């Protein structure tokens, strides 16, 4: 959510993918 711009679906974050994959 960006004030005065709008809300957007987050783009896929490879770093968060790696963290989740590590946990899984």
PDBML (XML) file of the C-alpha atoms, coordinates in Angstrom:
<?xml version="1.0" encoding="UTF-8" ?>
<PDBx:datablock datablockName="MODEL"
   xmlns:PDBx="http://pdbml.pdb.org/schema/pdbx-v50.xsd"
   xmlns:xsi="http://www.w3.org/2001/XMLSchema-instance"
   xsi:schemaLocation="http://pdbml.pdb.org/schema/pdbx-v50.xsd pdbx-v50.xsd">
   <PDBx:atom_siteCategory>
      <PDBx:atom_site id="1">
         <PDBx:B_iso_or_equiv>0.00</PDBx:B_iso_or_equiv>
         <PDBx:Cartn_x>0.000</PDBx:Cartn_x>
         <PDBx:Cartn_y>0.000</PDBx:Cartn_y>
         <PDBx:Cartn_z>0.000</PDBx:Cartn_z>
         <PDBx:auth_asym_id>A</PDBx:auth_asym_id>
         <PDBx:auth_atom_id>CA</PDBx:auth_atom_id>
         <PDBx:auth_comp_id>UNK</PDBx:auth_comp_id>
         <PDBx:auth_seq_id>1</PDBx:auth_seq_id>
         <PDBx:group_PDB>ATOM</PDBx:group_PDB>
         <PDBx:label_alt_id xsi:nil="true" />
         <PDBx:label_asym_id>A</PDBx:label_asym_id>
         <PDBx:label_atom_id>CA</PDBx:label_atom_id>
         <PDBx:label_comp_id>UNK</PDBx:label_comp_id>
         <PDBx:label_entity_id>1</PDBx:label_entity_id>
         <PDBx:label_seq_id>1</PDBx:label_seq_id>
         <PDBx:occupancy>1.00</PDBx:occupancy>
         <PDBx:pdbx_PDB_model_num>1</PDBx:pdbx_PDB_model_num>
         <PDBx:type_symbol>C</PDBx:type_symbol>
      </PDBx:atom_site>
      <PDBx:atom_site id="2">
         <PDBx:B_iso_or_equiv>0.00</PDBx:B_iso_or_equiv>
         <PDBx:Cartn_x>1.557</PDBx:Cartn_x>
         <PDBx:Cartn_y>3.249</PDBx:Cartn_y>
         <PDBx:Cartn_z>-1.200</PDBx:Cartn_z>
         <PDBx:auth_asym_id>A</PDBx:auth_asym_id>
         <PDBx:auth_atom_id>CA</PDBx:auth_atom_id>
         <PDBx:auth_comp_id>UNK</PDBx:auth_comp_id>
         <PDBx:auth_seq_id>2</PDBx:auth_seq_id>
         <PDBx:group_PDB>ATOM</PDBx:group_PDB>
         <PDBx:label_alt_id xsi:nil="true" />
         <PDBx:label_asym_id>A</PDBx:label_asym_id>
         <PDBx:label_atom_id>CA</PDBx:label_atom_id>
         <PDBx:label_comp_id>UNK</PDBx:label_comp_id>
         <PDBx:label_entity_id>1</PDBx:label_entity_id>
         <PDBx:label_seq_id>2</PDBx:label_seq_id>
         <PDBx:occupancy>1.00</PDBx:occupancy>
         <PDBx:pdbx_PDB_model_num>1</PDBx:pdbx_PDB_model_num>
         <PDBx:type_symbol>C</PDBx:type_symbol>
      </PDBx:atom_site>
      <PDBx:atom_site id="3">
         <PDBx:B_iso_or_equiv>0.00</PDBx:B_iso_or_equiv>
         <PDBx:Cartn_x>-0.027</PDBx:Cartn_x>
         <PDBx:Cartn_y>6.456</PDBx:Cartn_y>
         <PDBx:Cartn_z>0.178</PDBx:Cartn_z>
         <PDBx:auth_asym_id>A</PDBx:auth_asym_id>
         <PDBx:auth_atom_id>CA</PDBx:auth_atom_id>
         <PDBx:auth_comp_id>UNK</PDBx:auth_comp_id>
         <PDBx:auth_seq_id>3</PDBx:auth_seq_id>
         <PDBx:group_PDB>ATOM</PDBx:group_PDB>
         <PDBx:label_alt_id xsi:nil="true" />
         <PDBx:label_asym_id>A</PDBx:label_asym_id>
         <PDBx:label_atom_id>CA</PDBx:label_atom_id>
         <PDBx:label_comp_id>UNK</PDBx:label_comp_id>
         <PDBx:label_entity_id>1</PDBx:label_entity_id>
         <PDBx:label_seq_id>3</PDBx:label_seq_id>
         <PDBx:occupancy>1.00</PDBx:occupancy>
         <PDBx:pdbx_PDB_model_num>1</PDBx:pdbx_PDB_model_num>
         <PDBx:type_symbol>C</PDBx:type_symbol>
      </PDBx:atom_site>
      <PDBx:atom_site id="4">
         <PDBx:B_iso_or_equiv>0.00</PDBx:B_iso_or_equiv>
         <PDBx:Cartn_x>-1.386</PDBx:Cartn_x>
         <PDBx:Cartn_y>8.746</PDBx:Cartn_y>
         <PDBx:Cartn_z>-2.574</PDBx:Cartn_z>
         <PDBx:auth_asym_id>A</PDBx:auth_asym_id>
         <PDBx:auth_atom_id>CA</PDBx:auth_atom_id>
         <PDBx:auth_comp_id>UNK</PDBx:auth_comp_id>
         <PDBx:auth_seq_id>4</PDBx:auth_seq_id>
         <PDBx:group_PDB>ATOM</PDBx:group_PDB>
         <PDBx:label_alt_id xsi:nil="true" />
         <PDBx:label_asym_id>A</PDBx:label_asym_id>
         <PDBx:label_atom_id>CA</PDBx:label_atom_id>
         <PDBx:label_comp_id>UNK</PDBx:label_comp_id>
         <PDBx:label_entity_id>1</PDBx:label_entity_id>
         <PDBx:label_seq_id>4</PDBx:label_seq_id>
         <PDBx:occupancy>1.00</PDBx:occupancy>
         <PDBx:pdbx_PDB_model_num>1</PDBx:pdbx_PDB_model_num>
         <PDBx:type_symbol>C</PDBx:type_symbol>
      </PDBx:atom_site>
      <PDBx:atom_site id="5">
         <PDBx:B_iso_or_equiv>0.00</PDBx:B_iso_or_equiv>
         <PDBx:Cartn_x>-0.527</PDBx:Cartn_x>
         <PDBx:Cartn_y>6.113</PDBx:Cartn_y>
         <PDBx:Cartn_z>-5.203</PDBx:Cartn_z>
         <PDBx:auth_asym_id>A</PDBx:auth_asym_id>
         <PDBx:auth_atom_id>CA</PDBx:auth_atom_id>
         <PDBx:auth_comp_id>UNK</PDBx:auth_comp_id>
         <PDBx:auth_seq_id>5</PDBx:auth_seq_id>
         <PDBx:group_PDB>ATOM</PDBx:group_PDB>
         <PDBx:label_alt_id xsi:nil="true" />
         <PDBx:label_asym_id>A</PDBx:label_asym_id>
         <PDBx:label_atom_id>CA</PDBx:label_atom_id>
         <PDBx:label_comp_id>UNK</PDBx:label_comp_id>
         <PDBx:label_entity_id>1</PDBx:label_entity_id>
         <PDBx:label_seq_id>5</PDBx:label_seq_id>
         <PDBx:occupancy>1.00</PDBx:occupancy>
         <PDBx:pdbx_PDB_model_num>1</PDBx:pdbx_PDB_model_num>
         <PDBx:type_symbol>C</PDBx:type_symbol>
      </PDBx:atom_site>
      <PDBx:atom_site id="6">
         <PDBx:B_iso_or_equiv>0.00</PDBx:B_iso_or_equiv>
         <PDBx:Cartn_x>-2.589</PDBx:Cartn_x>
         <PDBx:Cartn_y>3.018</PDBx:Cartn_y>
         <PDBx:Cartn_z>-4.481</PDBx:Cartn_z>
         <PDBx:auth_asym_id>A</PDBx:auth_asym_id>
         <PDBx:auth_atom_id>CA</PDBx:auth_atom_id>
         <PDBx:auth_comp_id>UNK</PDBx:auth_comp_id>
         <PDBx:auth_seq_id>6</PDBx:auth_seq_id>
         <PDBx:group_PDB>ATOM</PDBx:group_PDB>
         <PDBx:label_alt_id xsi:nil="true" />
         <PDBx:label_asym_id>A</PDBx:label_asym_id>
         <PDBx:label_atom_id>CA</PDBx:label_atom_id>
         <PDBx:label_comp_id>UNK</PDBx:label_comp_id>
         <PDBx:label_entity_id>1</PDBx:label_entity_id>
         <PDBx:label_seq_id>6</PDBx:label_seq_id>
         <PDBx:occupancy>1.00</PDBx:occupancy>
         <PDBx:pdbx_PDB_model_num>1</PDBx:pdbx_PDB_model_num>
         <PDBx:type_symbol>C</PDBx:type_symbol>
      </PDBx:atom_site>
      <PDBx:atom_site id="7">
         <PDBx:B_iso_or_equiv>0.00</PDBx:B_iso_or_equiv>
         <PDBx:Cartn_x>-2.525</PDBx:Cartn_x>
         <PDBx:Cartn_y>-0.620</PDBx:Cartn_y>
         <PDBx:Cartn_z>-3.446</PDBx:Cartn_z>
         <PDBx:auth_asym_id>A</PDBx:auth_asym_id>
         <PDBx:auth_atom_id>CA</PDBx:auth_atom_id>
         <PDBx:auth_comp_id>UNK</PDBx:auth_comp_id>
         <PDBx:auth_seq_id>7</PDBx:auth_seq_id>
         <PDBx:group_PDB>ATOM</PDBx:group_PDB>
         <PDBx:label_alt_id xsi:nil="true" />
         <PDBx:label_asym_id>A</PDBx:label_asym_id>
         <PDBx:label_atom_id>CA</PDBx:label_atom_id>
         <PDBx:label_comp_id>UNK</PDBx:label_comp_id>
         <PDBx:label_entity_id>1</PDBx:label_entity_id>
         <PDBx:label_seq_id>7</PDBx:label_seq_id>
         <PDBx:occupancy>1.00</PDBx:occupancy>
         <PDBx:pdbx_PDB_model_num>1</PDBx:pdbx_PDB_model_num>
         <PDBx:type_symbol>C</PDBx:type_symbol>
      </PDBx:atom_site>
      <PDBx:atom_site id="8">
         <PDBx:B_iso_or_equiv>0.00</PDBx:B_iso_or_equiv>
         <PDBx:Cartn_x>-0.824</PDBx:Cartn_x>
         <PDBx:Cartn_y>-3.352</PDBx:Cartn_y>
         <PDBx:Cartn_z>-5.439</PDBx:Cartn_z>
         <PDBx:auth_asym_id>A</PDBx:auth_asym_id>
         <PDBx:auth_atom_id>CA</PDBx:auth_atom_id>
         <PDBx:auth_comp_id>UNK</PDBx:auth_comp_id>
         <PDBx:auth_seq_id>8</PDBx:auth_seq_id>
         <PDBx:group_PDB>ATOM</PDBx:group_PDB>
         <PDBx:label_alt_id xsi:nil="true" />
         <PDBx:label_asym_id>A</PDBx:label_asym_id>
         <PDBx:label_atom_id>CA</PDBx:label_atom_id>
         <PDBx:label_comp_id>UNK</PDBx:label_comp_id>
         <PDBx:label_entity_id>1</PDBx:label_entity_id>
         <PDBx:label_seq_id>8</PDBx:label_seq_id>
         <PDBx:occupancy>1.00</PDBx:occupancy>
         <PDBx:pdbx_PDB_model_num>1</PDBx:pdbx_PDB_model_num>
         <PDBx:type_symbol>C</PDBx:type_symbol>
      </PDBx:atom_site>
      <PDBx:atom_site id="9">
         <PDBx:B_iso_or_equiv>0.00</PDBx:B_iso_or_equiv>
         <PDBx:Cartn_x>-0.317</PDBx:Cartn_x>
         <PDBx:Cartn_y>-7.086</PDBx:Cartn_y>
         <PDBx:Cartn_z>-5.285</PDBx:Cartn_z>
         <PDBx:auth_asym_id>A</PDBx:auth_asym_id>
         <PDBx:auth_atom_id>CA</PDBx:auth_atom_id>
         <PDBx:auth_comp_id>UNK</PDBx:auth_comp_id>
         <PDBx:auth_seq_id>9</PDBx:auth_seq_id>
         <PDBx:group_PDB>ATOM</PDBx:group_PDB>
         <PDBx:label_alt_id xsi:nil="true" />
         <PDBx:label_asym_id>A</PDBx:label_asym_id>
         <PDBx:label_atom_id>CA</PDBx:label_atom_id>
         <PDBx:label_comp_id>UNK</PDBx:label_comp_id>
         <PDBx:label_entity_id>1</PDBx:label_entity_id>
         <PDBx:label_seq_id>9</PDBx:label_seq_id>
         <PDBx:occupancy>1.00</PDBx:occupancy>
         <PDBx:pdbx_PDB_model_num>1</PDBx:pdbx_PDB_model_num>
         <PDBx:type_symbol>C</PDBx:type_symbol>
      </PDBx:atom_site>
      <PDBx:atom_site id="10">
         <PDBx:B_iso_or_equiv>0.00</PDBx:B_iso_or_equiv>
         <PDBx:Cartn_x>3.244</PDBx:Cartn_x>
         <PDBx:Cartn_y>-7.584</PDBx:Cartn_y>
         <PDBx:Cartn_z>-4.098</PDBx:Cartn_z>
         <PDBx:auth_asym_id>A</PDBx:auth_asym_id>
         <PDBx:auth_atom_id>CA</PDBx:auth_atom_id>
         <PDBx:auth_comp_id>UNK</PDBx:auth_comp_id>
         <PDBx:auth_seq_id>10</PDBx:auth_seq_id>
         <PDBx:group_PDB>ATOM</PDBx:group_PDB>
         <PDBx:label_alt_id xsi:nil="true" />
         <PDBx:label_asym_id>A</PDBx:label_asym_id>
         <PDBx:label_atom_id>CA</PDBx:label_atom_id>
         <PDBx:label_comp_id>UNK</PDBx:label_comp_id>
         <PDBx:label_entity_id>1</PDBx:label_entity_id>
         <PDBx:label_seq_id>10</PDBx:label_seq_id>
         <PDBx:occupancy>1.00</PDBx:occupancy>
         <PDBx:pdbx_PDB_model_num>1</PDBx:pdbx_PDB_model_num>
         <PDBx:type_symbol>C</PDBx:type_symbol>
      </PDBx:atom_site>
      <PDBx:atom_site id="11">
         <PDBx:B_iso_or_equiv>0.00</PDBx:B_iso_or_equiv>
         <PDBx:Cartn_x>5.596</PDBx:Cartn_x>
         <PDBx:Cartn_y>-8.865</PDBx:Cartn_y>
         <PDBx:Cartn_z>-6.708</PDBx:Cartn_z>
         <PDBx:auth_asym_id>A</PDBx:auth_asym_id>
         <PDBx:auth_atom_id>CA</PDBx:auth_atom_id>
         <PDBx:auth_comp_id>UNK</PDBx:auth_comp_id>
         <PDBx:auth_seq_id>11</PDBx:auth_seq_id>
         <PDBx:group_PDB>ATOM</PDBx:group_PDB>
         <PDBx:label_alt_id xsi:nil="true" />
         <PDBx:label_asym_id>A</PDBx:label_asym_id>
         <PDBx:label_atom_id>CA</PDBx:label_atom_id>
         <PDBx:label_comp_id>UNK</PDBx:label_comp_id>
         <PDBx:label_entity_id>1</PDBx:label_entity_id>
         <PDBx:label_seq_id>11</PDBx:label_seq_id>
         <PDBx:occupancy>1.00</PDBx:occupancy>
         <PDBx:pdbx_PDB_model_num>1</PDBx:pdbx_PDB_model_num>
         <PDBx:type_symbol>C</PDBx:type_symbol>
      </PDBx:atom_site>
      <PDBx:atom_site id="12">
         <PDBx:B_iso_or_equiv>0.00</PDBx:B_iso_or_equiv>
         <PDBx:Cartn_x>7.114</PDBx:Cartn_x>
         <PDBx:Cartn_y>-12.256</PDBx:Cartn_y>
         <PDBx:Cartn_z>-5.882</PDBx:Cartn_z>
         <PDBx:auth_asym_id>A</PDBx:auth_asym_id>
         <PDBx:auth_atom_id>CA</PDBx:auth_atom_id>
         <PDBx:auth_comp_id>UNK</PDBx:auth_comp_id>
         <PDBx:auth_seq_id>12</PDBx:auth_seq_id>
         <PDBx:group_PDB>ATOM</PDBx:group_PDB>
         <PDBx:label_alt_id xsi:nil="true" />
         <PDBx:label_asym_id>A</PDBx:label_asym_id>
         <PDBx:label_atom_id>CA</PDBx:label_atom_id>
         <PDBx:label_comp_id>UNK</PDBx:label_comp_id>
         <PDBx:label_entity_id>1</PDBx:label_entity_id>
         <PDBx:label_seq_id>12</PDBx:label_seq_id>
         <PDBx:occupancy>1.00</PDBx:occupancy>
         <PDBx:pdbx_PDB_model_num>1</PDBx:pdbx_PDB_model_num>
         <PDBx:type_symbol>C</PDBx:type_symbol>
      </PDBx:atom_site>
      <PDBx:atom_site id="13">
         <PDBx:B_iso_or_equiv>0.00</PDBx:B_iso_or_equiv>
         <PDBx:Cartn_x>10.118</PDBx:Cartn_x>
         <PDBx:Cartn_y>-11.711</PDBx:Cartn_y>
         <PDBx:Cartn_z>-3.632</PDBx:Cartn_z>
         <PDBx:auth_asym_id>A</PDBx:auth_asym_id>
         <PDBx:auth_atom_id>CA</PDBx:auth_atom_id>
         <PDBx:auth_comp_id>UNK</PDBx:auth_comp_id>
         <PDBx:auth_seq_id>13</PDBx:auth_seq_id>
         <PDBx:group_PDB>ATOM</PDBx:group_PDB>
         <PDBx:label_alt_id xsi:nil="true" />
         <PDBx:label_asym_id>A</PDBx:label_asym_id>
         <PDBx:label_atom_id>CA</PDBx:label_atom_id>
         <PDBx:label_comp_id>UNK</PDBx:label_comp_id>
         <PDBx:label_entity_id>1</PDBx:label_entity_id>
         <PDBx:label_seq_id>13</PDBx:label_seq_id>
         <PDBx:occupancy>1.00</PDBx:occupancy>
         <PDBx:pdbx_PDB_model_num>1</PDBx:pdbx_PDB_model_num>
         <PDBx:type_symbol>C</PDBx:type_symbol>
      </PDBx:atom_site>
      <PDBx:atom_site id="14">
         <PDBx:B_iso_or_equiv>0.00</PDBx:B_iso_or_equiv>
         <PDBx:Cartn_x>12.838</PDBx:Cartn_x>
         <PDBx:Cartn_y>-14.339</PDBx:Cartn_y>
         <PDBx:Cartn_z>-4.270</PDBx:Cartn_z>
         <PDBx:auth_asym_id>A</PDBx:auth_asym_id>
         <PDBx:auth_atom_id>CA</PDBx:auth_atom_id>
         <PDBx:auth_comp_id>UNK</PDBx:auth_comp_id>
         <PDBx:auth_seq_id>14</PDBx:auth_seq_id>
         <PDBx:group_PDB>ATOM</PDBx:group_PDB>
         <PDBx:label_alt_id xsi:nil="true" />
         <PDBx:label_asym_id>A</PDBx:label_asym_id>
         <PDBx:label_atom_id>CA</PDBx:label_atom_id>
         <PDBx:label_comp_id>UNK</PDBx:label_comp_id>
         <PDBx:label_entity_id>1</PDBx:label_entity_id>
         <PDBx:label_seq_id>14</PDBx:label_seq_id>
         <PDBx:occupancy>1.00</PDBx:occupancy>
         <PDBx:pdbx_PDB_model_num>1</PDBx:pdbx_PDB_model_num>
         <PDBx:type_symbol>C</PDBx:type_symbol>
      </PDBx:atom_site>
      <PDBx:atom_site id="15">
         <PDBx:B_iso_or_equiv>0.00</PDBx:B_iso_or_equiv>
         <PDBx:Cartn_x>14.303</PDBx:Cartn_x>
         <PDBx:Cartn_y>-13.653</PDBx:Cartn_y>
         <PDBx:Cartn_z>-0.823</PDBx:Cartn_z>
         <PDBx:auth_asym_id>A</PDBx:auth_asym_id>
         <PDBx:auth_atom_id>CA</PDBx:auth_atom_id>
         <PDBx:auth_comp_id>UNK</PDBx:auth_comp_id>
         <PDBx:auth_seq_id>15</PDBx:auth_seq_id>
         <PDBx:group_PDB>ATOM</PDBx:group_PDB>
         <PDBx:label_alt_id xsi:nil="true" />
         <PDBx:label_asym_id>A</PDBx:label_asym_id>
         <PDBx:label_atom_id>CA</PDBx:label_atom_id>
         <PDBx:label_comp_id>UNK</PDBx:label_comp_id>
         <PDBx:label_entity_id>1</PDBx:label_entity_id>
         <PDBx:label_seq_id>15</PDBx:label_seq_id>
         <PDBx:occupancy>1.00</PDBx:occupancy>
         <PDBx:pdbx_PDB_model_num>1</PDBx:pdbx_PDB_model_num>
         <PDBx:type_symbol>C</PDBx:type_symbol>
      </PDBx:atom_site>
      <PDBx:atom_site id="16">
         <PDBx:B_iso_or_equiv>0.00</PDBx:B_iso_or_equiv>
         <PDBx:Cartn_x>10.974</PDBx:Cartn_x>
         <PDBx:Cartn_y>-14.465</PDBx:Cartn_y>
         <PDBx:Cartn_z>0.851</PDBx:Cartn_z>
         <PDBx:auth_asym_id>A</PDBx:auth_asym_id>
         <PDBx:auth_atom_id>CA</PDBx:auth_atom_id>
         <PDBx:auth_comp_id>UNK</PDBx:auth_comp_id>
         <PDBx:auth_seq_id>16</PDBx:auth_seq_id>
         <PDBx:group_PDB>ATOM</PDBx:group_PDB>
         <PDBx:label_alt_id xsi:nil="true" />
         <PDBx:label_asym_id>A</PDBx:label_asym_id>
         <PDBx:label_atom_id>CA</PDBx:label_atom_id>
         <PDBx:label_comp_id>UNK</PDBx:label_comp_id>
         <PDBx:label_entity_id>1</PDBx:label_entity_id>
         <PDBx:label_seq_id>16</PDBx:label_seq_id>
         <PDBx:occupancy>1.00</PDBx:occupancy>
         <PDBx:pdbx_PDB_model_num>1</PDBx:pdbx_PDB_model_num>
         <PDBx:type_symbol>C</PDBx:type_symbol>
      </PDBx:atom_site>
      <PDBx:atom_site id="17">
         <PDBx:B_iso_or_equiv>0.00</PDBx:B_iso_or_equiv>
         <PDBx:Cartn_x>10.626</PDBx:Cartn_x>
         <PDBx:Cartn_y>-17.521</PDBx:Cartn_y>
         <PDBx:Cartn_z>-1.390</PDBx:Cartn_z>
         <PDBx:auth_asym_id>A</PDBx:auth_asym_id>
         <PDBx:auth_atom_id>CA</PDBx:auth_atom_id>
         <PDBx:auth_comp_id>UNK</PDBx:auth_comp_id>
         <PDBx:auth_seq_id>17</PDBx:auth_seq_id>
         <PDBx:group_PDB>ATOM</PDBx:group_PDB>
         <PDBx:label_alt_id xsi:nil="true" />
         <PDBx:label_asym_id>A</PDBx:label_asym_id>
         <PDBx:label_atom_id>CA</PDBx:label_atom_id>
         <PDBx:label_comp_id>UNK</PDBx:label_comp_id>
         <PDBx:label_entity_id>1</PDBx:label_entity_id>
         <PDBx:label_seq_id>17</PDBx:label_seq_id>
         <PDBx:occupancy>1.00</PDBx:occupancy>
         <PDBx:pdbx_PDB_model_num>1</PDBx:pdbx_PDB_model_num>
         <PDBx:type_symbol>C</PDBx:type_symbol>
      </PDBx:atom_site>
      <PDBx:atom_site id="18">
         <PDBx:B_iso_or_equiv>0.00</PDBx:B_iso_or_equiv>
         <PDBx:Cartn_x>14.035</PDBx:Cartn_x>
         <PDBx:Cartn_y>-18.706</PDBx:Cartn_y>
         <PDBx:Cartn_z>-0.193</PDBx:Cartn_z>
         <PDBx:auth_asym_id>A</PDBx:auth_asym_id>
         <PDBx:auth_atom_id>CA</PDBx:auth_atom_id>
         <PDBx:auth_comp_id>UNK</PDBx:auth_comp_id>
         <PDBx:auth_seq_id>18</PDBx:auth_seq_id>
         <PDBx:group_PDB>ATOM</PDBx:group_PDB>
         <PDBx:label_alt_id xsi:nil="true" />
         <PDBx:label_asym_id>A</PDBx:label_asym_id>
         <PDBx:label_atom_id>CA</PDBx:label_atom_id>
         <PDBx:label_comp_id>UNK</PDBx:label_comp_id>
         <PDBx:label_entity_id>1</PDBx:label_entity_id>
         <PDBx:label_seq_id>18</PDBx:label_seq_id>
         <PDBx:occupancy>1.00</PDBx:occupancy>
         <PDBx:pdbx_PDB_model_num>1</PDBx:pdbx_PDB_model_num>
         <PDBx:type_symbol>C</PDBx:type_symbol>
      </PDBx:atom_site>
      <PDBx:atom_site id="19">
         <PDBx:B_iso_or_equiv>0.00</PDBx:B_iso_or_equiv>
         <PDBx:Cartn_x>13.125</PDBx:Cartn_x>
         <PDBx:Cartn_y>-18.135</PDBx:Cartn_y>
         <PDBx:Cartn_z>3.468</PDBx:Cartn_z>
         <PDBx:auth_asym_id>A</PDBx:auth_asym_id>
         <PDBx:auth_atom_id>CA</PDBx:auth_atom_id>
         <PDBx:auth_comp_id>UNK</PDBx:auth_comp_id>
         <PDBx:auth_seq_id>19</PDBx:auth_seq_id>
         <PDBx:group_PDB>ATOM</PDBx:group_PDB>
         <PDBx:label_alt_id xsi:nil="true" />
         <PDBx:label_asym_id>A</PDBx:label_asym_id>
         <PDBx:label_atom_id>CA</PDBx:label_atom_id>
         <PDBx:label_comp_id>UNK</PDBx:label_comp_id>
         <PDBx:label_entity_id>1</PDBx:label_entity_id>
         <PDBx:label_seq_id>19</PDBx:label_seq_id>
         <PDBx:occupancy>1.00</PDBx:occupancy>
         <PDBx:pdbx_PDB_model_num>1</PDBx:pdbx_PDB_model_num>
         <PDBx:type_symbol>C</PDBx:type_symbol>
      </PDBx:atom_site>
      <PDBx:atom_site id="20">
         <PDBx:B_iso_or_equiv>0.00</PDBx:B_iso_or_equiv>
         <PDBx:Cartn_x>9.843</PDBx:Cartn_x>
         <PDBx:Cartn_y>-20.038</PDBx:Cartn_y>
         <PDBx:Cartn_z>3.135</PDBx:Cartn_z>
         <PDBx:auth_asym_id>A</PDBx:auth_asym_id>
         <PDBx:auth_atom_id>CA</PDBx:auth_atom_id>
         <PDBx:auth_comp_id>UNK</PDBx:auth_comp_id>
         <PDBx:auth_seq_id>20</PDBx:auth_seq_id>
         <PDBx:group_PDB>ATOM</PDBx:group_PDB>
         <PDBx:label_alt_id xsi:nil="true" />
         <PDBx:label_asym_id>A</PDBx:label_asym_id>
         <PDBx:label_atom_id>CA</PDBx:label_atom_id>
         <PDBx:label_comp_id>UNK</PDBx:label_comp_id>
         <PDBx:label_entity_id>1</PDBx:label_entity_id>
         <PDBx:label_seq_id>20</PDBx:label_seq_id>
         <PDBx:occupancy>1.00</PDBx:occupancy>
         <PDBx:pdbx_PDB_model_num>1</PDBx:pdbx_PDB_model_num>
         <PDBx:type_symbol>C</PDBx:type_symbol>
      </PDBx:atom_site>
      <PDBx:atom_site id="21">
         <PDBx:B_iso_or_equiv>0.00</PDBx:B_iso_or_equiv>
         <PDBx:Cartn_x>11.511</PDBx:Cartn_x>
         <PDBx:Cartn_y>-22.843</PDBx:Cartn_y>
         <PDBx:Cartn_z>1.207</PDBx:Cartn_z>
         <PDBx:auth_asym_id>A</PDBx:auth_asym_id>
         <PDBx:auth_atom_id>CA</PDBx:auth_atom_id>
         <PDBx:auth_comp_id>UNK</PDBx:auth_comp_id>
         <PDBx:auth_seq_id>21</PDBx:auth_seq_id>
         <PDBx:group_PDB>ATOM</PDBx:group_PDB>
         <PDBx:label_alt_id xsi:nil="true" />
         <PDBx:label_asym_id>A</PDBx:label_asym_id>
         <PDBx:label_atom_id>CA</PDBx:label_atom_id>
         <PDBx:label_comp_id>UNK</PDBx:label_comp_id>
         <PDBx:label_entity_id>1</PDBx:label_entity_id>
         <PDBx:label_seq_id>21</PDBx:label_seq_id>
         <PDBx:occupancy>1.00</PDBx:occupancy>
         <PDBx:pdbx_PDB_model_num>1</PDBx:pdbx_PDB_model_num>
         <PDBx:type_symbol>C</PDBx:type_symbol>
      </PDBx:atom_site>
      <PDBx:atom_site id="22">
         <PDBx:B_iso_or_equiv>0.00</PDBx:B_iso_or_equiv>
         <PDBx:Cartn_x>14.181</PDBx:Cartn_x>
         <PDBx:Cartn_y>-23.120</PDBx:Cartn_y>
         <PDBx:Cartn_z>3.911</PDBx:Cartn_z>
         <PDBx:auth_asym_id>A</PDBx:auth_asym_id>
         <PDBx:auth_atom_id>CA</PDBx:auth_atom_id>
         <PDBx:auth_comp_id>UNK</PDBx:auth_comp_id>
         <PDBx:auth_seq_id>22</PDBx:auth_seq_id>
         <PDBx:group_PDB>ATOM</PDBx:group_PDB>
         <PDBx:label_alt_id xsi:nil="true" />
         <PDBx:label_asym_id>A</PDBx:label_asym_id>
         <PDBx:label_atom_id>CA</PDBx:label_atom_id>
         <PDBx:label_comp_id>UNK</PDBx:label_comp_id>
         <PDBx:label_entity_id>1</PDBx:label_entity_id>
         <PDBx:label_seq_id>22</PDBx:label_seq_id>
         <PDBx:occupancy>1.00</PDBx:occupancy>
         <PDBx:pdbx_PDB_model_num>1</PDBx:pdbx_PDB_model_num>
         <PDBx:type_symbol>C</PDBx:type_symbol>
      </PDBx:atom_site>
      <PDBx:atom_site id="23">
         <PDBx:B_iso_or_equiv>0.00</PDBx:B_iso_or_equiv>
         <PDBx:Cartn_x>11.488</PDBx:Cartn_x>
         <PDBx:Cartn_y>-23.412</PDBx:Cartn_y>
         <PDBx:Cartn_z>6.574</PDBx:Cartn_z>
         <PDBx:auth_asym_id>A</PDBx:auth_asym_id>
         <PDBx:auth_atom_id>CA</PDBx:auth_atom_id>
         <PDBx:auth_comp_id>UNK</PDBx:auth_comp_id>
         <PDBx:auth_seq_id>23</PDBx:auth_seq_id>
         <PDBx:group_PDB>ATOM</PDBx:group_PDB>
         <PDBx:label_alt_id xsi:nil="true" />
         <PDBx:label_asym_id>A</PDBx:label_asym_id>
         <PDBx:label_atom_id>CA</PDBx:label_atom_id>
         <PDBx:label_comp_id>UNK</PDBx:label_comp_id>
         <PDBx:label_entity_id>1</PDBx:label_entity_id>
         <PDBx:label_seq_id>23</PDBx:label_seq_id>
         <PDBx:occupancy>1.00</PDBx:occupancy>
         <PDBx:pdbx_PDB_model_num>1</PDBx:pdbx_PDB_model_num>
         <PDBx:type_symbol>C</PDBx:type_symbol>
      </PDBx:atom_site>
      <PDBx:atom_site id="24">
         <PDBx:B_iso_or_equiv>0.00</PDBx:B_iso_or_equiv>
         <PDBx:Cartn_x>9.482</PDBx:Cartn_x>
         <PDBx:Cartn_y>-25.914</PDBx:Cartn_y>
         <PDBx:Cartn_z>4.569</PDBx:Cartn_z>
         <PDBx:auth_asym_id>A</PDBx:auth_asym_id>
         <PDBx:auth_atom_id>CA</PDBx:auth_atom_id>
         <PDBx:auth_comp_id>UNK</PDBx:auth_comp_id>
         <PDBx:auth_seq_id>24</PDBx:auth_seq_id>
         <PDBx:group_PDB>ATOM</PDBx:group_PDB>
         <PDBx:label_alt_id xsi:nil="true" />
         <PDBx:label_asym_id>A</PDBx:label_asym_id>
         <PDBx:label_atom_id>CA</PDBx:label_atom_id>
         <PDBx:label_comp_id>UNK</PDBx:label_comp_id>
         <PDBx:label_entity_id>1</PDBx:label_entity_id>
         <PDBx:label_seq_id>24</PDBx:label_seq_id>
         <PDBx:occupancy>1.00</PDBx:occupancy>
         <PDBx:pdbx_PDB_model_num>1</PDBx:pdbx_PDB_model_num>
         <PDBx:type_symbol>C</PDBx:type_symbol>
      </PDBx:atom_site>
   </PDBx:atom_siteCategory>
</PDBx:datablock>
